[in-house]
């Protein structure tokens, strides 16, 4: 769970930096920042779900 939180913090900061670089002088581009962070969250959730489903398949029924 710590890896999950650290990854989201890293991608959150990265998306904020990219959003500020893309925005230029006018305003902060929240659309780009939010979109990048949403992709990071979706990727991490998919990774967590795949890892969990693989672990369930390995469980034995144990008679």
PDB file of N, CA and C in Angstrom:
ATOM      1  N   UNK A   1       0.812  -1.189   0.000  1.00  0.00           N
ATOM      2  CA  UNK A   1       0.000   0.000   0.000  1.00  0.00           C
ATOM      3  C   UNK A   1       0.868   1.270   0.000  1.00  0.00           C
ATOM      4  N   UNK A   2       2.059   1.157   0.582  1.00  0.00           N
ATOM      5  CA  UNK A   2       2.965   2.306   0.600  1.00  0.00           C
ATOM      6  C   UNK A   2       3.443   2.610  -0.819  1.00  0.00           C
ATOM      7  N   UNK A   3       3.701   1.556  -1.597  1.00  0.00           N
ATOM      8  CA  UNK A   3       4.138   1.755  -2.982  1.00  0.00           C
ATOM      9  C   UNK A   3       3.044   2.466  -3.778  1.00  0.00           C
ATOM     10  N   UNK A   4       1.805   2.091  -3.536  1.00  0.00           N
ATOM     11  CA  UNK A   4       0.662   2.714  -4.206  1.00  0.00           C
ATOM     12  C   UNK A   4       0.609   4.207  -3.897  1.00  0.00           C
ATOM     13  N   UNK A   5       0.748   4.559  -2.632  1.00  0.00           N
ATOM     14  CA  UNK A   5       0.697   5.967  -2.229  1.00  0.00           C
ATOM     15  C   UNK A   5       1.886   6.751  -2.783  1.00  0.00           C
ATOM     16  N   UNK A   6       3.078   6.166  -2.721  1.00  0.00           N
ATOM     17  CA  UNK A   6       4.255   6.860  -3.241  1.00  0.00           C
ATOM     18  C   UNK A   6       4.158   7.074  -4.752  1.00  0.00           C
ATOM     19  N   UNK A   7       3.634   6.098  -5.453  1.00  0.00           N
ATOM     20  CA  UNK A   7       3.470   6.235  -6.899  1.00  0.00           C
ATOM     21  C   UNK A   7       2.480   7.339  -7.227  1.00  0.00           C
ATOM     22  N   UNK A   8       1.377   7.395  -6.496  1.00  0.00           N
ATOM     23  CA  UNK A   8       0.392   8.452  -6.753  1.00  0.00           C
ATOM     24  C   UNK A   8       0.937   9.834  -6.407  1.00  0.00           C
ATOM     25  N   UNK A   9       1.727   9.929  -5.343  1.00  0.00           N
ATOM     26  CA  UNK A   9       2.342  11.218  -5.000  1.00  0.00           C
ATOM     27  C   UNK A   9       3.321  11.638  -6.090  1.00  0.00           C
ATOM     28  N   UNK A  10       4.136  10.687  -6.552  1.00  0.00           N
ATOM     29  CA  UNK A  10       5.102  10.991  -7.607  1.00  0.00           C
ATOM     30  C   UNK A  10       4.393  11.470  -8.869  1.00  0.00           C
ATOM     31  N   UNK A  11       3.370  10.740  -9.312  1.00  0.00           N
ATOM     32  CA  UNK A  11       2.666  11.144 -10.531  1.00  0.00           C
ATOM     33  C   UNK A  11       1.831  12.403 -10.320  1.00  0.00           C
ATOM     34  N   UNK A  12       1.385  12.651  -9.103  1.00  0.00           N
ATOM     35  CA  UNK A  12       0.687  13.904  -8.815  1.00  0.00           C
ATOM     36  C   UNK A  12       1.600  15.105  -8.988  1.00  0.00           C
ATOM     37  N   UNK A  13       2.795  15.006  -8.430  1.00  0.00           N
ATOM     38  CA  UNK A  13       3.774  16.092  -8.564  1.00  0.00           C
ATOM     39  C   UNK A  13       4.195  16.242 -10.028  1.00  0.00           C
ATOM     40  N   UNK A  14       4.428  15.114 -10.688  1.00  0.00           N
ATOM     41  CA  UNK A  14       4.818  15.154 -12.094  1.00  0.00           C
ATOM     42  C   UNK A  14       3.736  15.798 -12.960  1.00  0.00           C
ATOM     43  N   UNK A  15       2.476  15.463 -12.707  1.00  0.00           N
ATOM     44  CA  UNK A  15       1.391  16.054 -13.501  1.00  0.00           C
ATOM     45  C   UNK A  15       1.252  17.548 -13.213  1.00  0.00           C
ATOM     46  N   UNK A  16       1.505  17.967 -11.965  1.00  0.00           N
ATOM     47  CA  UNK A  16       1.477  19.404 -11.660  1.00  0.00           C
ATOM     48  C   UNK A  16       2.582  20.151 -12.400  1.00  0.00           C
ATOM     49  N   UNK A  17       3.769  19.550 -12.461  1.00  0.00           N
ATOM     50  CA  UNK A  17       4.878  20.182 -13.170  1.00  0.00           C
ATOM     51  C   UNK A  17       4.568  20.275 -14.659  1.00  0.00           C
ATOM     52  N   UNK A  18       4.062  19.197 -15.236  1.00  0.00           N
ATOM     53  CA  UNK A  18       3.729  19.216 -16.665  1.00  0.00           C
ATOM     54  C   UNK A  18       2.612  20.218 -16.932  1.00  0.00           C
ATOM     55  N   UNK A  19       1.625  20.287 -16.054  1.00  0.00           N
ATOM     56  CA  UNK A  19       0.543  21.258 -16.215  1.00  0.00           C
ATOM     57  C   UNK A  19       1.034  22.689 -16.175  1.00  0.00           C
ATOM     58  N   UNK A  20       2.001  22.965 -15.307  1.00  0.00           N
ATOM     59  CA  UNK A  20       2.535  24.330 -15.246  1.00  0.00           C
ATOM     60  C   UNK A  20       3.415  24.639 -16.450  1.00  0.00           C
ATOM     61  N   UNK A  21       4.138  23.641 -16.958  1.00  0.00           N
ATOM     62  CA  UNK A  21       4.972  23.869 -18.137  1.00  0.00           C
ATOM     63  C   UNK A  21       4.143  24.067 -19.395  1.00  0.00           C
ATOM     64  N   UNK A  22       3.052  23.358 -19.511  1.00  0.00           N
ATOM     65  CA  UNK A  22       2.201  23.447 -20.697  1.00  0.00           C
ATOM     66  C   UNK A  22       1.388  24.737 -20.693  1.00  0.00           C
ATOM     67  N   UNK A  23       1.057  25.232 -19.502  1.00  0.00           N
ATOM     68  CA  UNK A  23       0.150  26.372 -19.411  1.00  0.00           C
ATOM     69  C   UNK A  23       0.733  27.667 -19.962  1.00  0.00           C
ATOM     70  N   UNK A  24       2.007  27.857 -19.845  1.00  0.00           N
ATOM     71  CA  UNK A  24       2.600  29.110 -20.325  1.00  0.00           C
ATOM     72  C   UNK A  24       2.392  30.226 -19.319  1.00  0.00           C
ATOM     73  N   UNK A  25       2.163  31.441 -19.827  1.00  0.00           N
ATOM     74  CA  UNK A  25       2.033  32.608 -18.948  1.00  0.00           C
ATOM     75  C   UNK A  25       0.600  32.911 -18.535  1.00  0.00           C
ATOM     76  N   UNK A  26      -0.378  32.377 -19.249  1.00  0.00           N
ATOM     77  CA  UNK A  26      -1.763  32.782 -19.026  1.00  0.00           C
ATOM     78  C   UNK A  26      -2.371  32.211 -17.757  1.00  0.00           C
ATOM     79  N   UNK A  27      -2.490  30.926 -17.668  1.00  0.00           N
ATOM     80  CA  UNK A  27      -3.147  30.287 -16.533  1.00  0.00           C
ATOM     81  C   UNK A  27      -2.624  28.861 -16.388  1.00  0.00           C
ATOM     82  N   UNK A  28      -2.913  28.254 -15.248  1.00  0.00           N
ATOM     83  CA  UNK A  28      -2.501  26.877 -15.002  1.00  0.00           C
ATOM     84  C   UNK A  28      -3.454  25.943 -15.739  1.00  0.00           C
ATOM     85  N   UNK A  29      -2.929  24.980 -16.454  1.00  0.00           N
ATOM     86  CA  UNK A  29      -3.746  24.077 -17.258  1.00  0.00           C
ATOM     87  C   UNK A  29      -4.187  22.887 -16.409  1.00  0.00           C
ATOM     88  N   UNK A  30      -5.354  23.049 -15.763  1.00  0.00           N
ATOM     89  CA  UNK A  30      -5.869  21.997 -14.885  1.00  0.00           C
ATOM     90  C   UNK A  30      -6.371  20.783 -15.672  1.00  0.00           C
ATOM     91  N   UNK A  31      -6.762  20.986 -16.912  1.00  0.00           N
ATOM     92  CA  UNK A  31      -7.232  19.867 -17.733  1.00  0.00           C
ATOM     93  C   UNK A  31      -6.136  18.858 -18.004  1.00  0.00           C
ATOM     94  N   UNK A  32      -4.967  19.353 -18.368  1.00  0.00           N
ATOM     95  CA  UNK A  32      -3.826  18.471 -18.623  1.00  0.00           C
ATOM     96  C   UNK A  32      -3.383  17.796 -17.321  1.00  0.00           C
ATOM     97  N   UNK A  33      -3.320  18.576 -16.255  1.00  0.00           N
ATOM     98  CA  UNK A  33      -2.895  18.033 -14.965  1.00  0.00           C
ATOM     99  C   UNK A  33      -3.850  16.950 -14.480  1.00  0.00           C
ATOM    100  N   UNK A  34      -5.128  17.227 -14.538  1.00  0.00           N
ATOM    101  CA  UNK A  34      -6.124  16.252 -14.097  1.00  0.00           C
ATOM    102  C   UNK A  34      -6.155  15.014 -14.975  1.00  0.00           C
ATOM    103  N   UNK A  35      -5.996  15.202 -16.269  1.00  0.00           N
ATOM    104  CA  UNK A  35      -5.976  14.069 -17.180  1.00  0.00           C
ATOM    105  C   UNK A  35      -4.794  13.154 -16.951  1.00  0.00           C
ATOM    106  N   UNK A  36      -3.620  13.735 -16.758  1.00  0.00           N
ATOM    107  CA  UNK A  36      -2.431  12.926 -16.485  1.00  0.00           C
ATOM    108  C   UNK A  36      -2.554  12.183 -15.159  1.00  0.00           C
ATOM    109  N   UNK A  37      -3.074  12.867 -14.154  1.00  0.00           N
ATOM    110  CA  UNK A  37      -3.228  12.211 -12.859  1.00  0.00           C
ATOM    111  C   UNK A  37      -4.289  11.121 -12.919  1.00  0.00           C
ATOM    112  N   UNK A  38      -5.344  11.341 -13.684  1.00  0.00           N
ATOM    113  CA  UNK A  38      -6.375  10.307 -13.847  1.00  0.00           C
ATOM    114  C   UNK A  38      -5.804   9.070 -14.537  1.00  0.00           C
ATOM    115  N   UNK A  39      -4.944   9.268 -15.523  1.00  0.00           N
ATOM    116  CA  UNK A  39      -4.282   8.128 -16.166  1.00  0.00           C
ATOM    117  C   UNK A  39      -3.388   7.376 -15.183  1.00  0.00           C
ATOM    118  N   UNK A  40      -2.694   8.100 -14.330  1.00  0.00           N
ATOM    119  CA  UNK A  40      -1.833   7.457 -13.338  1.00  0.00           C
ATOM    120  C   UNK A  40      -2.655   6.646 -12.343  1.00  0.00           C
ATOM    121  N   UNK A  41      -3.766   7.197 -11.894  1.00  0.00           N
ATOM    122  CA  UNK A  41      -4.624   6.482 -10.948  1.00  0.00           C
ATOM    123  C   UNK A  41      -5.226   5.247 -11.606  1.00  0.00           C
ATOM    124  N   UNK A  42      -5.684   5.383 -12.853  1.00  0.00           N
ATOM    125  CA  UNK A  42      -6.255   4.235 -13.561  1.00  0.00           C
ATOM    126  C   UNK A  42      -5.213   3.139 -13.767  1.00  0.00           C
ATOM    127  N   UNK A  43      -3.994   3.522 -14.102  1.00  0.00           N
ATOM    128  CA  UNK A  43      -2.931   2.543 -14.287  1.00  0.00           C
ATOM    129  C   UNK A  43      -2.573   1.822 -13.009  1.00  0.00           C
ATOM    130  N   UNK A  44      -2.489   2.559 -11.913  1.00  0.00           N
ATOM    131  CA  UNK A  44      -2.170   1.938 -10.631  1.00  0.00           C
ATOM    132  C   UNK A  44      -3.304   1.028 -10.154  1.00  0.00           C
ATOM    133  N   UNK A  45      -4.537   1.434 -10.374  1.00  0.00           N
ATOM    134  CA  UNK A  45      -5.672   0.587  -9.992  1.00  0.00           C
ATOM    135  C   UNK A  45      -5.714  -0.679 -10.841  1.00  0.00           C
ATOM    136  N   UNK A  46      -5.414  -0.563 -12.114  1.00  0.00           N
ATOM    137  CA  UNK A  46      -5.377  -1.740 -12.984  1.00  0.00           C
ATOM    138  C   UNK A  46      -4.252  -2.684 -12.563  1.00  0.00           C
ATOM    139  N   UNK A  47      -3.099  -2.132 -12.210  1.00  0.00           N
ATOM    140  CA  UNK A  47      -1.994  -2.962 -11.743  1.00  0.00           C
ATOM    141  C   UNK A  47      -2.356  -3.677 -10.448  1.00  0.00           C
ATOM    142  N   UNK A  48      -2.992  -2.966  -9.526  1.00  0.00           N
ATOM    143  CA  UNK A  48      -3.404  -3.550  -8.254  1.00  0.00           C
ATOM    144  C   UNK A  48      -4.441  -4.647  -8.473  1.00  0.00           C
ATOM    145  N   UNK A  49      -5.405  -4.400  -9.384  1.00  0.00           N
ATOM    146  CA  UNK A  49      -6.453  -5.378  -9.670  1.00  0.00           C
ATOM    147  C   UNK A  49      -5.873  -6.633 -10.317  1.00  0.00           C
ATOM    148  N   UNK A  50      -4.951  -6.462 -11.270  1.00  0.00           N
ATOM    149  CA  UNK A  50      -4.329  -7.616 -11.913  1.00  0.00           C
ATOM    150  C   UNK A  50      -3.506  -8.433 -10.921  1.00  0.00           C
ATOM    151  N   UNK A  51      -2.780  -7.755 -10.063  1.00  0.00           N
ATOM    152  CA  UNK A  51      -1.984  -8.457  -9.064  1.00  0.00           C
ATOM    153  C   UNK A  51      -2.879  -9.251  -8.120  1.00  0.00           C
ATOM    154  N   UNK A  52      -3.988  -8.658  -7.743  1.00  0.00           N
ATOM    155  CA  UNK A  52      -4.923  -9.317  -6.831  1.00  0.00           C
ATOM    156  C   UNK A  52      -5.605 -10.506  -7.497  1.00  0.00           C
ATOM    157  N   UNK A  53      -6.002 -10.361  -8.764  1.00  0.00           N
ATOM    158  CA  UNK A  53      -6.681 -11.458  -9.444  1.00  0.00           C
ATOM    159  C   UNK A  53      -5.730 -12.622  -9.705  1.00  0.00           C
ATOM    160  N   UNK A  54      -4.459 -12.329  -9.964  1.00  0.00           N
ATOM    161  CA  UNK A  54      -3.477 -13.401 -10.133  1.00  0.00           C
ATOM    162  C   UNK A  54      -3.255 -14.143  -8.828  1.00  0.00           C
ATOM    163  N   UNK A  55      -3.259 -13.422  -7.719  1.00  0.00           N
ATOM    164  CA  UNK A  55      -3.075 -14.055  -6.417  1.00  0.00           C
ATOM    165  C   UNK A  55      -4.261 -14.956  -6.091  1.00  0.00           C
ATOM    166  N   UNK A  56      -5.467 -14.554  -6.473  1.00  0.00           N
ATOM    167  CA  UNK A  56      -6.643 -15.382  -6.224  1.00  0.00           C
ATOM    168  C   UNK A  56      -6.595 -16.669  -7.029  1.00  0.00           C
ATOM    169  N   UNK A  57      -6.077 -16.619  -8.236  1.00  0.00           N
ATOM    170  CA  UNK A  57      -5.988 -17.817  -9.082  1.00  0.00           C
ATOM    171  C   UNK A  57      -5.009 -18.817  -8.506  1.00  0.00           C
ATOM    172  N   UNK A  58      -4.019 -18.370  -7.783  1.00  0.00           N
ATOM    173  CA  UNK A  58      -3.006 -19.262  -7.225  1.00  0.00           C
ATOM    174  C   UNK A  58      -3.450 -19.933  -5.942  1.00  0.00           C
ATOM    175  N   UNK A  59      -4.540 -19.485  -5.352  1.00  0.00           N
ATOM    176  CA  UNK A  59      -5.010 -20.094  -4.119  1.00  0.00           C
ATOM    177  C   UNK A  59      -5.496 -21.501  -4.377  1.00  0.00           C
ATOM    178  N   UNK A  60      -5.102 -22.413  -3.536  1.00  0.00           N
ATOM    179  CA  UNK A  60      -5.566 -23.791  -3.699  1.00  0.00           C
ATOM    180  C   UNK A  60      -6.854 -23.991  -2.918  1.00  0.00           C
ATOM    181  N   UNK A  61      -7.639 -24.940  -3.361  1.00  0.00           N
ATOM    182  CA  UNK A  61      -8.898 -25.204  -2.692  1.00  0.00           C
ATOM    183  C   UNK A  61      -8.692 -25.997  -1.412  1.00  0.00           C
ATOM    184  N   UNK A  62      -7.561 -26.638  -1.251  1.00  0.00           N
ATOM    185  CA  UNK A  62      -7.197 -27.334  -0.005  1.00  0.00           C
ATOM    186  C   UNK A  62      -8.270 -28.243   0.558  1.00  0.00           C
ATOM    187  N   UNK A  63      -8.250 -29.465   0.170  1.00  0.00           N
ATOM    188  CA  UNK A  63      -9.285 -30.408   0.626  1.00  0.00           C
ATOM    189  C   UNK A  63      -8.942 -30.916   2.008  1.00  0.00           C
TER     190      UNK A  63
END
